[in-house]
Amino acid sequence: MPPRRSYDQYCSAARALDLVGDRWTLLIVRELLAGPRRYTDLHADLPGVSTDVLASRLKDMERDGISTRRRLPPPGAAYVYELTPRGRELLPVLQALGEWGQAELGERRPTDAVRAHWFALPLLRFLRKEGAGEGLVEVRLEEGYFHLYVGAEDGPVYGDGPAPREPDARLALDSVTCEAVARGELRVADGVRDGRIEVTGDGTLAKMLREG
């Protein structure tokens, strides 16, 4: 494997960018925050990345201790990639980057790809900011389902598809509302109060969301 490129600057920001500053790396981290993913799953949810670049970035991330690769036991017998504890520490970095970049979203362009779970991190950020508590939240959009682990200290932060168990709260909202939340134009509490976000469930988290 070729040596890692470096800015050769004695600066923590430069050192961090030595590891995650390459194109696609942080977006791979975004996908792996959902837990172990197969190469084919990663490629499907990173439209635009070439197979060569994805393979190269995954090798770099493994070399740098950001992710690991392991083989699933039979009958799966496929390799999956997952973040190390060091890699999971990039969550607040992605959250801060997303908050900084929300002003750049604007209206969705015809050429923009979209996956339902891409709204997970901004929604998680706003739920935490609004003090929604902790628990498992299932979210239904027009594009599909995803779920969030609000307040999770380790392990997956979100997941694609319906919640794996009975969630503490279920949210249903349309794409326009979700995009407004992602752009920072609508607070989750305001969306619930205005009837744009439907909250169901009997858990403490659901009650907190309904009460605003």
Foldseek 3Di string as FASTA:
>chain_A
DDDQDAPPDPDVVRVVCSQQVDPPRVVLLVVQLQPWDALVVSPVVDPPDDSVVSVVNLVSCCVVQQKDWDADDPPRRGIIIHGDPVNVVCLVVVLVVLLVCLQVCPDDDPPDDDAVCVLVSLVLVLCVVVPLDFWKEWEQEPRAIKIAGRPDPDDRGIHGHGDPDDTQKYKYAYPVVSSCSSSVNDRLLRCLVVVRIDMDHDHPSSVSSNVD
